[in-house]
Amino acid sequence: MLNVGLTGGIASGKSTVARMLKKKGAILIDLDELAHAVQKPEGPVWMEIVRHFGQDILQADRTIDRRKLGAVVFADRAKLDLLNRLVHPAVLSEWQRRMEEIRKTRPDAIVLSDIPLLIEAGLMPMVDVVLLVYLSPEEQVRRLMARNGYSREDAEIRLASQMPIGEKIPHADFVIHNEGPLEETRKAVGALWKELRQRHTGVDRKPAD
């Protein structure tokens, strides 16, 4: 099994690349989805978040309003760090459980773990390959404004809460540049998939002396 850690920055296009790789045959584990799952109402993580951030972040159905919570934590680094400490252990536990399931049932699989904070959280040793989806900071802001309806100020605040995407490049084994047309990204993903398959099967390994 090959575990590919997918990362990038906000609005960089990770989800687009993930969908393309999934179509190629990768098994996708989206840690944002796992984060949603562990924050279900009345669960232990949900209770801790509500205890620290109050009832005002809840919607009528008692689910967490991610937009309201985001407005709180992205404006205060200490609160963002607190939220991460509350959520991450449960997410990582569920991720490892799913990885073990795949390891037992699909040992030949290429697994794509979509982990936004892969580098920041020091999780690189837990994956075999680091894949970065790169987009320039200005384009990140532009796409975030268009996608989420944020003002430029709000978009820049969210961007500033993350490690600068340029600083992630040295940590990556592969970089997909996502600034051009979609077809260019698709071609890059196709070439990457071939490389991943070679790496997985050992085709690209030099014979031992």
N, C-alpha and C. Protein backbone atom coordinates (compact mmCIF):
# COMPACT_ATOMS: atom_id res chain seq x y z
N MET A 1 0.85 -1.19 0.00
CA MET A 1 0.00 0.00 0.00
C MET A 1 0.88 1.25 0.00
N LEU A 2 0.50 2.21 -0.81
CA LEU A 2 1.22 3.48 -0.86
C LEU A 2 0.30 4.56 -0.30
N ASN A 3 0.78 5.26 0.73
CA ASN A 3 -0.02 6.31 1.36
C ASN A 3 0.51 7.67 0.91
N VAL A 4 -0.29 8.34 0.08
CA VAL A 4 0.08 9.65 -0.45
C VAL A 4 -0.60 10.73 0.38
N GLY A 5 0.18 11.60 0.97
CA GLY A 5 -0.37 12.71 1.74
C GLY A 5 -0.57 13.91 0.83
N LEU A 6 -1.82 14.30 0.65
CA LEU A 6 -2.18 15.43 -0.20
C LEU A 6 -2.36 16.68 0.65
N THR A 7 -1.69 17.76 0.27
CA THR A 7 -1.83 19.00 1.03
C THR A 7 -1.75 20.19 0.09
N GLY A 8 -1.91 21.37 0.63
CA GLY A 8 -1.89 22.59 -0.17
C GLY A 8 -2.22 23.75 0.73
N GLY A 9 -2.94 24.71 0.20
CA GLY A 9 -3.40 25.85 0.98
C GLY A 9 -4.88 26.04 0.71
N ILE A 10 -5.49 26.93 1.44
CA ILE A 10 -6.91 27.18 1.27
C ILE A 10 -7.19 27.64 -0.17
N ALA A 11 -8.19 27.03 -0.80
CA ALA A 11 -8.62 27.36 -2.16
C ALA A 11 -7.55 27.06 -3.22
N SER A 12 -6.60 26.19 -2.89
CA SER A 12 -5.54 25.89 -3.87
C SER A 12 -5.96 24.86 -4.91
N GLY A 13 -7.06 24.15 -4.65
CA GLY A 13 -7.53 23.16 -5.61
C GLY A 13 -7.27 21.72 -5.21
N LYS A 14 -7.05 21.48 -3.93
CA LYS A 14 -6.80 20.11 -3.47
C LYS A 14 -7.95 19.17 -3.81
N SER A 15 -9.16 19.65 -3.62
CA SER A 15 -10.33 18.79 -3.88
C SER A 15 -10.42 18.40 -5.35
N THR A 16 -10.07 19.34 -6.23
CA THR A 16 -10.08 19.04 -7.67
C THR A 16 -9.07 17.95 -7.99
N VAL A 17 -7.86 18.10 -7.48
CA VAL A 17 -6.83 17.09 -7.71
C VAL A 17 -7.22 15.76 -7.08
N ALA A 18 -7.81 15.81 -5.90
CA ALA A 18 -8.24 14.58 -5.24
C ALA A 18 -9.27 13.83 -6.07
N ARG A 19 -10.23 14.56 -6.64
CA ARG A 19 -11.25 13.91 -7.48
C ARG A 19 -10.61 13.26 -8.71
N MET A 20 -9.65 13.95 -9.29
CA MET A 20 -8.98 13.40 -10.47
C MET A 20 -8.23 12.12 -10.14
N LEU A 21 -7.54 12.11 -9.01
CA LEU A 21 -6.79 10.93 -8.61
C LEU A 21 -7.72 9.79 -8.21
N LYS A 22 -8.84 10.14 -7.62
CA LYS A 22 -9.83 9.11 -7.27
C LYS A 22 -10.36 8.42 -8.52
N LYS A 23 -10.59 9.20 -9.57
CA LYS A 23 -11.03 8.62 -10.84
C LYS A 23 -9.98 7.68 -11.43
N LYS A 24 -8.71 7.97 -11.14
CA LYS A 24 -7.63 7.12 -11.63
C LYS A 24 -7.55 5.79 -10.88
N GLY A 25 -8.15 5.79 -9.67
CA GLY A 25 -8.13 4.55 -8.89
C GLY A 25 -7.65 4.69 -7.47
N ALA A 26 -7.27 5.89 -7.06
CA ALA A 26 -6.83 6.08 -5.68
C ALA A 26 -8.01 5.96 -4.72
N ILE A 27 -7.73 5.48 -3.52
CA ILE A 27 -8.73 5.46 -2.46
C ILE A 27 -8.54 6.75 -1.65
N LEU A 28 -9.59 7.55 -1.56
CA LEU A 28 -9.48 8.86 -0.92
C LEU A 28 -9.97 8.82 0.52
N ILE A 29 -9.15 9.36 1.41
CA ILE A 29 -9.57 9.62 2.79
C ILE A 29 -9.44 11.12 3.00
N ASP A 30 -10.55 11.79 3.18
CA ASP A 30 -10.59 13.24 3.33
C ASP A 30 -10.64 13.58 4.83
N LEU A 31 -9.58 14.14 5.36
CA LEU A 31 -9.56 14.41 6.80
C LEU A 31 -10.49 15.53 7.20
N ASP A 32 -10.88 16.41 6.26
CA ASP A 32 -11.90 17.40 6.57
C ASP A 32 -13.24 16.70 6.83
N GLU A 33 -13.54 15.67 6.04
CA GLU A 33 -14.77 14.90 6.25
C GLU A 33 -14.72 14.17 7.59
N LEU A 34 -13.55 13.65 7.93
CA LEU A 34 -13.41 12.99 9.23
C LEU A 34 -13.63 14.00 10.36
N ALA A 35 -13.14 15.23 10.15
CA ALA A 35 -13.33 16.26 11.17
C ALA A 35 -14.81 16.57 11.37
N HIS A 36 -15.57 16.58 10.27
CA HIS A 36 -17.02 16.77 10.38
C HIS A 36 -17.63 15.64 11.18
N ALA A 37 -17.19 14.42 10.89
CA ALA A 37 -17.77 13.24 11.52
C ALA A 37 -17.54 13.22 13.03
N VAL A 38 -16.35 13.61 13.45
CA VAL A 38 -16.07 13.55 14.89
C VAL A 38 -16.70 14.71 15.66
N GLN A 39 -17.27 15.70 14.93
CA GLN A 39 -17.91 16.84 15.59
C GLN A 39 -19.43 16.73 15.58
N LYS A 40 -19.94 15.52 15.43
CA LYS A 40 -21.39 15.35 15.44
C LYS A 40 -21.97 15.78 16.78
N PRO A 41 -23.19 16.34 16.78
CA PRO A 41 -23.80 16.83 18.02
C PRO A 41 -23.83 15.81 19.14
N GLU A 42 -23.50 16.30 20.31
CA GLU A 42 -23.53 15.57 21.57
C GLU A 42 -22.37 14.58 21.72
N GLY A 43 -21.51 14.48 20.73
CA GLY A 43 -20.33 13.64 20.86
C GLY A 43 -19.28 14.32 21.73
N PRO A 44 -18.24 13.58 22.14
CA PRO A 44 -17.24 14.15 23.05
C PRO A 44 -16.49 15.35 22.48
N VAL A 45 -16.14 15.32 21.20
CA VAL A 45 -15.44 16.46 20.60
C VAL A 45 -16.37 17.66 20.50
N TRP A 46 -17.59 17.42 20.07
CA TRP A 46 -18.60 18.48 19.98
C TRP A 46 -18.79 19.15 21.34
N MET A 47 -18.87 18.35 22.39
CA MET A 47 -19.10 18.89 23.74
C MET A 47 -17.95 19.78 24.18
N GLU A 48 -16.72 19.37 23.85
CA GLU A 48 -15.57 20.18 24.23
C GLU A 48 -15.53 21.50 23.45
N ILE A 49 -15.87 21.43 22.17
CA ILE A 49 -15.89 22.65 21.37
C ILE A 49 -16.93 23.63 21.90
N VAL A 50 -18.11 23.13 22.21
CA VAL A 50 -19.18 23.98 22.73
C VAL A 50 -18.79 24.54 24.10
N ARG A 51 -18.13 23.72 24.90
CA ARG A 51 -17.71 24.17 26.23
C ARG A 51 -16.75 25.35 26.12
N HIS A 52 -15.86 25.31 25.14
CA HIS A 52 -14.85 26.36 25.01
C HIS A 52 -15.34 27.57 24.20
N PHE A 53 -16.21 27.32 23.22
CA PHE A 53 -16.58 28.40 22.30
C PHE A 53 -18.02 28.86 22.44
N GLY A 54 -18.81 28.17 23.25
CA GLY A 54 -20.16 28.64 23.56
C GLY A 54 -21.23 28.16 22.59
N GLN A 55 -22.48 28.36 22.98
CA GLN A 55 -23.64 27.92 22.20
C GLN A 55 -23.87 28.76 20.95
N ASP A 56 -23.26 29.92 20.89
CA ASP A 56 -23.50 30.82 19.76
C ASP A 56 -22.99 30.26 18.43
N ILE A 57 -22.10 29.28 18.49
CA ILE A 57 -21.55 28.72 17.25
C ILE A 57 -22.43 27.59 16.69
N LEU A 58 -23.55 27.32 17.37
CA LEU A 58 -24.42 26.22 16.93
C LEU A 58 -25.54 26.71 16.03
N GLN A 59 -25.93 25.84 15.10
CA GLN A 59 -27.10 26.09 14.28
C GLN A 59 -28.34 25.54 14.98
N ALA A 60 -29.49 25.74 14.38
CA ALA A 60 -30.75 25.33 15.01
C ALA A 60 -30.80 23.83 15.28
N ASP A 61 -30.14 23.04 14.42
CA ASP A 61 -30.16 21.59 14.60
C ASP A 61 -29.05 21.09 15.50
N ARG A 62 -28.36 22.02 16.16
CA ARG A 62 -27.30 21.74 17.13
C ARG A 62 -25.96 21.38 16.48
N THR A 63 -25.90 21.36 15.17
CA THR A 63 -24.61 21.15 14.52
C THR A 63 -23.80 22.44 14.61
N ILE A 64 -22.49 22.30 14.51
CA ILE A 64 -21.60 23.45 14.59
C ILE A 64 -21.67 24.24 13.29
N ASP A 65 -21.87 25.52 13.40
CA ASP A 65 -21.85 26.41 12.24
C ASP A 65 -20.38 26.73 11.95
N ARG A 66 -19.83 26.07 10.95
CA ARG A 66 -18.39 26.19 10.67
C ARG A 66 -18.01 27.62 10.29
N ARG A 67 -18.93 28.33 9.66
CA ARG A 67 -18.62 29.71 9.27
C ARG A 67 -18.49 30.59 10.52
N LYS A 68 -19.41 30.43 11.47
CA LYS A 68 -19.33 31.21 12.70
C LYS A 68 -18.08 30.85 13.51
N LEU A 69 -17.82 29.55 13.61
CA LEU A 69 -16.65 29.12 14.36
C LEU A 69 -15.38 29.61 13.67
N GLY A 70 -15.37 29.56 12.34
CA GLY A 70 -14.21 30.04 11.59
C GLY A 70 -13.95 31.51 11.83
N ALA A 71 -15.02 32.30 11.89
CA ALA A 71 -14.85 33.73 12.12
C ALA A 71 -14.20 34.00 13.48
N VAL A 72 -14.46 33.12 14.43
CA VAL A 72 -13.88 33.27 15.77
C VAL A 72 -12.40 32.86 15.77
N VAL A 73 -12.12 31.68 15.23
CA VAL A 73 -10.76 31.13 15.39
C VAL A 73 -9.75 31.73 14.41
N PHE A 74 -10.21 32.13 13.22
CA PHE A 74 -9.25 32.67 12.27
C PHE A 74 -8.82 34.09 12.65
N ALA A 75 -9.53 34.71 13.57
CA ALA A 75 -9.16 36.04 14.04
C ALA A 75 -8.28 35.99 15.28
N ASP A 76 -8.03 34.78 15.81
CA ASP A 76 -7.29 34.64 17.06
C ASP A 76 -6.49 33.35 16.99
N ARG A 77 -5.18 33.46 16.84
CA ARG A 77 -4.33 32.27 16.67
C ARG A 77 -4.45 31.31 17.85
N ALA A 78 -4.57 31.84 19.06
CA ALA A 78 -4.65 30.98 20.24
C ALA A 78 -5.92 30.13 20.20
N LYS A 79 -7.02 30.74 19.73
CA LYS A 79 -8.27 29.99 19.65
C LYS A 79 -8.22 28.94 18.54
N LEU A 80 -7.53 29.27 17.45
CA LEU A 80 -7.36 28.29 16.38
C LEU A 80 -6.54 27.11 16.86
N ASP A 81 -5.48 27.39 17.59
CA ASP A 81 -4.65 26.31 18.14
C ASP A 81 -5.45 25.45 19.12
N LEU A 82 -6.30 26.08 19.91
CA LEU A 82 -7.14 25.34 20.85
C LEU A 82 -8.09 24.42 20.09
N LEU A 83 -8.74 24.95 19.08
CA LEU A 83 -9.67 24.13 18.29
C LEU A 83 -8.95 22.93 17.69
N ASN A 84 -7.76 23.16 17.15
CA ASN A 84 -6.99 22.06 16.57
C ASN A 84 -6.67 21.00 17.62
N ARG A 85 -6.33 21.43 18.83
CA ARG A 85 -6.03 20.46 19.90
C ARG A 85 -7.25 19.64 20.29
N LEU A 86 -8.43 20.23 20.16
CA LEU A 86 -9.66 19.52 20.51
C LEU A 86 -10.05 18.50 19.44
N VAL A 87 -9.80 18.86 18.18
CA VAL A 87 -10.31 18.05 17.07
C VAL A 87 -9.30 17.04 16.54
N HIS A 88 -8.05 17.43 16.44
CA HIS A 88 -7.06 16.62 15.72
C HIS A 88 -6.86 15.22 16.27
N PRO A 89 -6.77 15.02 17.59
CA PRO A 89 -6.55 13.64 18.06
C PRO A 89 -7.63 12.66 17.61
N ALA A 90 -8.89 13.09 17.64
CA ALA A 90 -9.98 12.21 17.22
C ALA A 90 -9.92 11.95 15.72
N VAL A 91 -9.56 12.98 14.95
CA VAL A 91 -9.45 12.82 13.49
C VAL A 91 -8.32 11.86 13.15
N LEU A 92 -7.18 12.02 13.79
CA LEU A 92 -6.03 11.15 13.50
C LEU A 92 -6.32 9.71 13.89
N SER A 93 -7.05 9.51 14.97
CA SER A 93 -7.42 8.16 15.38
C SER A 93 -8.31 7.50 14.35
N GLU A 94 -9.29 8.23 13.83
CA GLU A 94 -10.19 7.68 12.82
C GLU A 94 -9.44 7.45 11.50
N TRP A 95 -8.52 8.33 11.17
CA TRP A 95 -7.70 8.15 9.96
C TRP A 95 -6.90 6.86 10.04
N GLN A 96 -6.25 6.65 11.17
CA GLN A 96 -5.44 5.44 11.34
C GLN A 96 -6.30 4.18 11.30
N ARG A 97 -7.51 4.28 11.85
CA ARG A 97 -8.42 3.12 11.81
C ARG A 97 -8.77 2.78 10.36
N ARG A 98 -9.07 3.79 9.57
CA ARG A 98 -9.42 3.55 8.16
C ARG A 98 -8.22 3.05 7.37
N MET A 99 -7.05 3.59 7.66
CA MET A 99 -5.85 3.12 6.97
C MET A 99 -5.60 1.64 7.25
N GLU A 100 -5.82 1.24 8.48
CA GLU A 100 -5.60 -0.16 8.84
C GLU A 100 -6.61 -1.06 8.13
N GLU A 101 -7.84 -0.60 8.01
CA GLU A 101 -8.85 -1.37 7.27
C GLU A 101 -8.42 -1.58 5.82
N ILE A 102 -7.95 -0.51 5.19
CA ILE A 102 -7.51 -0.60 3.79
C ILE A 102 -6.29 -1.50 3.68
N ARG A 103 -5.39 -1.39 4.63
CA ARG A 103 -4.18 -2.21 4.60
C ARG A 103 -4.52 -3.70 4.61
N LYS A 104 -5.57 -4.05 5.36
CA LYS A 104 -5.97 -5.46 5.47
C LYS A 104 -6.73 -5.94 4.24
N THR A 105 -7.58 -5.06 3.68
CA THR A 105 -8.45 -5.49 2.58
C THR A 105 -7.91 -5.16 1.20
N ARG A 106 -7.09 -4.10 1.10
CA ARG A 106 -6.55 -3.66 -0.20
C ARG A 106 -5.06 -3.34 -0.07
N PRO A 107 -4.24 -4.33 0.21
CA PRO A 107 -2.82 -4.04 0.40
C PRO A 107 -2.13 -3.49 -0.83
N ASP A 108 -2.78 -3.62 -2.00
CA ASP A 108 -2.21 -3.10 -3.25
C ASP A 108 -2.65 -1.68 -3.56
N ALA A 109 -3.42 -1.06 -2.67
CA ALA A 109 -4.05 0.24 -2.96
C ALA A 109 -3.05 1.39 -2.90
N ILE A 110 -3.36 2.42 -3.69
CA ILE A 110 -2.74 3.73 -3.52
C ILE A 110 -3.77 4.59 -2.79
N VAL A 111 -3.44 4.97 -1.57
CA VAL A 111 -4.37 5.73 -0.72
C VAL A 111 -3.98 7.20 -0.76
N LEU A 112 -4.96 8.04 -0.99
CA LEU A 112 -4.75 9.49 -1.01
C LEU A 112 -5.36 10.08 0.25
N SER A 113 -4.51 10.51 1.17
CA SER A 113 -4.97 11.11 2.42
C SER A 113 -4.92 12.63 2.28
N ASP A 114 -6.09 13.24 2.18
CA ASP A 114 -6.19 14.69 2.01
C ASP A 114 -6.07 15.34 3.39
N ILE A 115 -4.89 15.93 3.67
CA ILE A 115 -4.58 16.43 5.01
C ILE A 115 -4.13 17.90 4.89
N PRO A 116 -5.04 18.84 5.11
CA PRO A 116 -4.67 20.26 4.96
C PRO A 116 -3.45 20.68 5.77
N LEU A 117 -3.33 20.16 7.00
CA LEU A 117 -2.23 20.57 7.89
C LEU A 117 -1.14 19.50 7.97
N LEU A 118 -0.95 18.77 6.90
CA LEU A 118 0.03 17.69 6.88
C LEU A 118 1.41 18.15 7.34
N ILE A 119 1.88 19.26 6.78
CA ILE A 119 3.22 19.74 7.09
C ILE A 119 3.24 20.46 8.44
N GLU A 120 2.26 21.34 8.66
CA GLU A 120 2.23 22.13 9.90
C GLU A 120 2.12 21.24 11.14
N ALA A 121 1.35 20.16 11.03
CA ALA A 121 1.11 19.28 12.18
C ALA A 121 2.20 18.22 12.34
N GLY A 122 3.20 18.24 11.47
CA GLY A 122 4.29 17.29 11.59
C GLY A 122 3.90 15.86 11.27
N LEU A 123 2.95 15.69 10.35
CA LEU A 123 2.45 14.35 10.03
C LEU A 123 3.16 13.71 8.84
N MET A 124 4.15 14.36 8.29
CA MET A 124 4.82 13.82 7.10
C MET A 124 5.40 12.42 7.32
N PRO A 125 5.93 12.10 8.51
CA PRO A 125 6.44 10.74 8.70
C PRO A 125 5.35 9.66 8.62
N MET A 126 4.08 10.07 8.67
CA MET A 126 2.98 9.10 8.64
C MET A 126 2.51 8.80 7.23
N VAL A 127 3.10 9.44 6.22
CA VAL A 127 2.76 9.14 4.82
C VAL A 127 4.03 8.75 4.08
N ASP A 128 3.85 8.11 2.93
CA ASP A 128 4.99 7.67 2.13
C ASP A 128 5.45 8.74 1.16
N VAL A 129 4.51 9.54 0.68
CA VAL A 129 4.78 10.55 -0.34
C VAL A 129 4.00 11.82 0.01
N VAL A 130 4.61 12.98 -0.15
CA VAL A 130 3.92 14.25 0.08
C VAL A 130 3.63 14.90 -1.27
N LEU A 131 2.35 15.15 -1.53
CA LEU A 131 1.91 15.80 -2.77
C LEU A 131 1.33 17.17 -2.42
N LEU A 132 1.90 18.21 -3.00
CA LEU A 132 1.45 19.58 -2.75
C LEU A 132 0.73 20.12 -3.97
N VAL A 133 -0.46 20.68 -3.77
CA VAL A 133 -1.15 21.42 -4.83
C VAL A 133 -0.86 22.90 -4.59
N TYR A 134 -0.18 23.50 -5.56
CA TYR A 134 0.30 24.87 -5.39
C TYR A 134 -0.54 25.87 -6.18
N LEU A 135 -0.84 26.98 -5.51
CA LEU A 135 -1.49 28.12 -6.14
C LEU A 135 -0.88 29.36 -5.51
N SER A 136 -0.62 30.39 -6.30
CA SER A 136 -0.01 31.60 -5.74
C SER A 136 -0.94 32.22 -4.69
N PRO A 137 -0.38 32.86 -3.66
CA PRO A 137 -1.22 33.47 -2.62
C PRO A 137 -2.28 34.43 -3.16
N GLU A 138 -1.93 35.24 -4.14
CA GLU A 138 -2.90 36.19 -4.70
C GLU A 138 -4.06 35.45 -5.36
N GLU A 139 -3.74 34.36 -6.05
CA GLU A 139 -4.80 33.58 -6.69
C GLU A 139 -5.63 32.84 -5.65
N GLN A 140 -5.00 32.42 -4.55
CA GLN A 140 -5.75 31.82 -3.45
C GLN A 140 -6.80 32.80 -2.92
N VAL A 141 -6.38 34.05 -2.71
CA VAL A 141 -7.31 35.07 -2.21
C VAL A 141 -8.45 35.27 -3.20
N ARG A 142 -8.10 35.38 -4.47
CA ARG A 142 -9.12 35.63 -5.49
C ARG A 142 -10.14 34.50 -5.54
N ARG A 143 -9.65 33.27 -5.53
CA ARG A 143 -10.56 32.13 -5.61
C ARG A 143 -11.38 31.97 -4.34
N LEU A 144 -10.77 32.28 -3.21
CA LEU A 144 -11.50 32.18 -1.94
C LEU A 144 -12.63 33.20 -1.89
N MET A 145 -12.38 34.40 -2.38
CA MET A 145 -13.43 35.42 -2.43
C MET A 145 -14.57 34.97 -3.34
N ALA A 146 -14.22 34.41 -4.50
CA ALA A 146 -15.24 33.98 -5.46
C ALA A 146 -16.01 32.77 -4.94
N ARG A 147 -15.30 31.84 -4.29
CA ARG A 147 -15.93 30.59 -3.85
C ARG A 147 -16.82 30.77 -2.62
N ASN A 148 -16.33 31.55 -1.66
CA ASN A 148 -17.01 31.65 -0.37
C ASN A 148 -17.73 32.97 -0.15
N GLY A 149 -17.54 33.91 -1.08
CA GLY A 149 -18.19 35.20 -0.90
C GLY A 149 -17.54 36.06 0.17
N TYR A 150 -16.27 35.77 0.51
CA TYR A 150 -15.57 36.55 1.53
C TYR A 150 -15.13 37.90 0.94
N SER A 151 -15.00 38.86 1.82
CA SER A 151 -14.34 40.11 1.43
C SER A 151 -12.85 39.81 1.29
N ARG A 152 -12.10 40.71 0.65
CA ARG A 152 -10.65 40.49 0.55
C ARG A 152 -10.02 40.41 1.94
N GLU A 153 -10.48 41.25 2.86
CA GLU A 153 -9.92 41.23 4.22
C GLU A 153 -10.13 39.87 4.88
N ASP A 154 -11.37 39.33 4.78
CA ASP A 154 -11.65 38.03 5.38
C ASP A 154 -10.81 36.93 4.73
N ALA A 155 -10.69 36.99 3.41
CA ALA A 155 -9.90 35.98 2.70
C ALA A 155 -8.44 36.05 3.13
N GLU A 156 -7.91 37.25 3.27
CA GLU A 156 -6.51 37.40 3.65
C GLU A 156 -6.27 36.96 5.09
N ILE A 157 -7.26 37.16 5.96
CA ILE A 157 -7.14 36.69 7.34
C ILE A 157 -7.02 35.18 7.38
N ARG A 158 -7.85 34.50 6.60
CA ARG A 158 -7.80 33.04 6.56
C ARG A 158 -6.49 32.54 5.96
N LEU A 159 -6.03 33.23 4.95
CA LEU A 159 -4.77 32.84 4.33
C LEU A 159 -3.61 33.04 5.31
N ALA A 160 -3.66 34.13 6.07
CA ALA A 160 -2.59 34.44 7.02
C ALA A 160 -2.52 33.45 8.17
N SER A 161 -3.62 32.74 8.40
CA SER A 161 -3.64 31.77 9.50
C SER A 161 -2.90 30.48 9.13
N GLN A 162 -2.53 30.34 7.86
CA GLN A 162 -1.88 29.13 7.39
C GLN A 162 -0.40 29.37 7.11
N MET A 163 0.33 28.29 7.11
CA MET A 163 1.73 28.35 6.68
C MET A 163 1.77 28.82 5.24
N PRO A 164 2.61 29.80 4.88
CA PRO A 164 2.68 30.26 3.49
C PRO A 164 2.94 29.09 2.54
N ILE A 165 2.16 29.03 1.47
CA ILE A 165 2.23 27.87 0.59
C ILE A 165 3.60 27.70 -0.04
N GLY A 166 4.30 28.80 -0.29
CA GLY A 166 5.63 28.70 -0.86
C GLY A 166 6.61 27.98 0.05
N GLU A 167 6.39 28.08 1.37
CA GLU A 167 7.28 27.41 2.32
C GLU A 167 7.04 25.91 2.38
N LYS A 168 5.95 25.46 1.77
CA LYS A 168 5.65 24.02 1.78
C LYS A 168 6.36 23.27 0.65
N ILE A 169 6.78 24.00 -0.37
CA ILE A 169 7.36 23.35 -1.55
C ILE A 169 8.57 22.47 -1.21
N PRO A 170 9.51 22.92 -0.37
CA PRO A 170 10.67 22.07 -0.08
C PRO A 170 10.32 20.75 0.61
N HIS A 171 9.14 20.69 1.22
CA HIS A 171 8.73 19.48 1.94
C HIS A 171 8.04 18.46 1.04
N ALA A 172 7.74 18.86 -0.20
CA ALA A 172 6.92 18.02 -1.08
C ALA A 172 7.78 17.13 -1.97
N ASP A 173 7.30 15.91 -2.19
CA ASP A 173 7.92 15.01 -3.17
C ASP A 173 7.44 15.34 -4.58
N PHE A 174 6.18 15.78 -4.67
CA PHE A 174 5.59 16.15 -5.95
C PHE A 174 4.79 17.43 -5.77
N VAL A 175 4.81 18.30 -6.78
CA VAL A 175 4.04 19.55 -6.75
C VAL A 175 3.19 19.62 -8.01
N ILE A 176 1.89 19.81 -7.82
CA ILE A 176 0.97 20.07 -8.93
C ILE A 176 0.70 21.58 -8.94
N HIS A 177 1.08 22.26 -10.02
CA HIS A 177 0.79 23.69 -10.15
C HIS A 177 -0.61 23.83 -10.76
N ASN A 178 -1.47 24.50 -10.02
CA ASN A 178 -2.90 24.54 -10.37
C ASN A 178 -3.35 25.93 -10.81
N GLU A 179 -2.46 26.68 -11.43
CA GLU A 179 -2.81 28.06 -11.81
C GLU A 179 -3.32 28.16 -13.24
N GLY A 180 -3.09 27.15 -14.05
CA GLY A 180 -3.50 27.20 -15.44
C GLY A 180 -4.88 26.61 -15.67
N PRO A 181 -5.23 26.34 -16.93
CA PRO A 181 -6.52 25.73 -17.27
C PRO A 181 -6.66 24.35 -16.63
N LEU A 182 -7.89 23.93 -16.46
CA LEU A 182 -8.18 22.64 -15.83
C LEU A 182 -7.51 21.49 -16.59
N GLU A 183 -7.46 21.61 -17.90
CA GLU A 183 -6.87 20.54 -18.70
C GLU A 183 -5.38 20.37 -18.38
N GLU A 184 -4.69 21.46 -18.07
CA GLU A 184 -3.28 21.36 -17.68
C GLU A 184 -3.13 20.59 -16.37
N THR A 185 -4.03 20.88 -15.44
CA THR A 185 -4.00 20.16 -14.17
C THR A 185 -4.28 18.68 -14.40
N ARG A 186 -5.24 18.39 -15.27
CA ARG A 186 -5.59 17.00 -15.56
C ARG A 186 -4.40 16.24 -16.16
N LYS A 187 -3.66 16.89 -17.04
CA LYS A 187 -2.48 16.25 -17.64
C LYS A 187 -1.41 16.02 -16.58
N ALA A 188 -1.22 16.99 -15.71
CA ALA A 188 -0.22 16.85 -14.65
C ALA A 188 -0.60 15.71 -13.71
N VAL A 189 -1.88 15.59 -13.41
CA VAL A 189 -2.35 14.50 -12.55
C VAL A 189 -2.14 13.15 -13.22
N GLY A 190 -2.37 13.08 -14.53
CA GLY A 190 -2.14 11.84 -15.26
C GLY A 190 -0.69 11.40 -15.19
N ALA A 191 0.23 12.35 -15.37
CA ALA A 191 1.66 12.03 -15.28
C ALA A 191 2.03 11.62 -13.86
N LEU A 192 1.44 12.31 -12.88
CA LEU A 192 1.70 11.98 -11.48
C LEU A 192 1.22 10.58 -11.16
N TRP A 193 0.03 10.21 -11.64
CA TRP A 193 -0.52 8.88 -11.35
C TRP A 193 0.41 7.79 -11.88
N LYS A 194 0.95 8.00 -13.06
CA LYS A 194 1.90 7.04 -13.62
C LYS A 194 3.12 6.90 -12.72
N GLU A 195 3.60 8.04 -12.23
CA GLU A 195 4.77 8.04 -11.34
C GLU A 195 4.46 7.33 -10.02
N LEU A 196 3.27 7.56 -9.48
CA LEU A 196 2.88 6.92 -8.23
C LEU A 196 2.78 5.41 -8.39
N ARG A 197 2.23 4.98 -9.50
CA ARG A 197 2.11 3.55 -9.76
C ARG A 197 3.49 2.91 -9.90
N GLN A 198 4.40 3.60 -10.55
CA GLN A 198 5.76 3.08 -10.67
C GLN A 198 6.43 2.99 -9.31
N ARG A 199 6.23 4.03 -8.51
CA ARG A 199 6.83 4.03 -7.17
C ARG A 199 6.25 2.91 -6.32
N HIS A 200 4.95 2.68 -6.47
CA HIS A 200 4.27 1.66 -5.68
C HIS A 200 4.74 0.26 -6.06
N THR A 201 4.91 0.02 -7.33
CA THR A 201 5.30 -1.32 -7.78
C THR A 201 6.80 -1.55 -7.78
N GLY A 202 7.57 -0.46 -7.60
CA GLY A 202 9.01 -0.59 -7.56
C GLY A 202 9.65 -0.58 -8.92
N VAL A 203 8.87 -0.22 -9.97
CA VAL A 203 9.42 -0.20 -11.31
C VAL A 203 10.55 0.80 -11.44
N ASP A 204 10.45 1.89 -10.66
CA ASP A 204 11.45 2.94 -10.81
C ASP A 204 12.65 2.73 -9.92
N ARG A 205 12.68 1.62 -9.20
CA ARG A 205 13.82 1.37 -8.32
C ARG A 205 14.98 0.77 -9.12
N LYS A 206 16.16 1.22 -8.83
CA LYS A 206 17.34 0.68 -9.52
C LYS A 206 17.66 -0.70 -8.95
N PRO A 207 18.07 -1.63 -9.81
CA PRO A 207 18.43 -2.95 -9.30
C PRO A 207 19.62 -2.86 -8.35
N ALA A 208 19.61 -3.76 -7.39
CA ALA A 208 20.69 -3.77 -6.40
C ALA A 208 22.00 -4.16 -7.07
N ASP A 209 23.08 -3.58 -6.60
CA ASP A 209 24.39 -3.94 -7.16
C ASP A 209 24.78 -5.36 -6.76
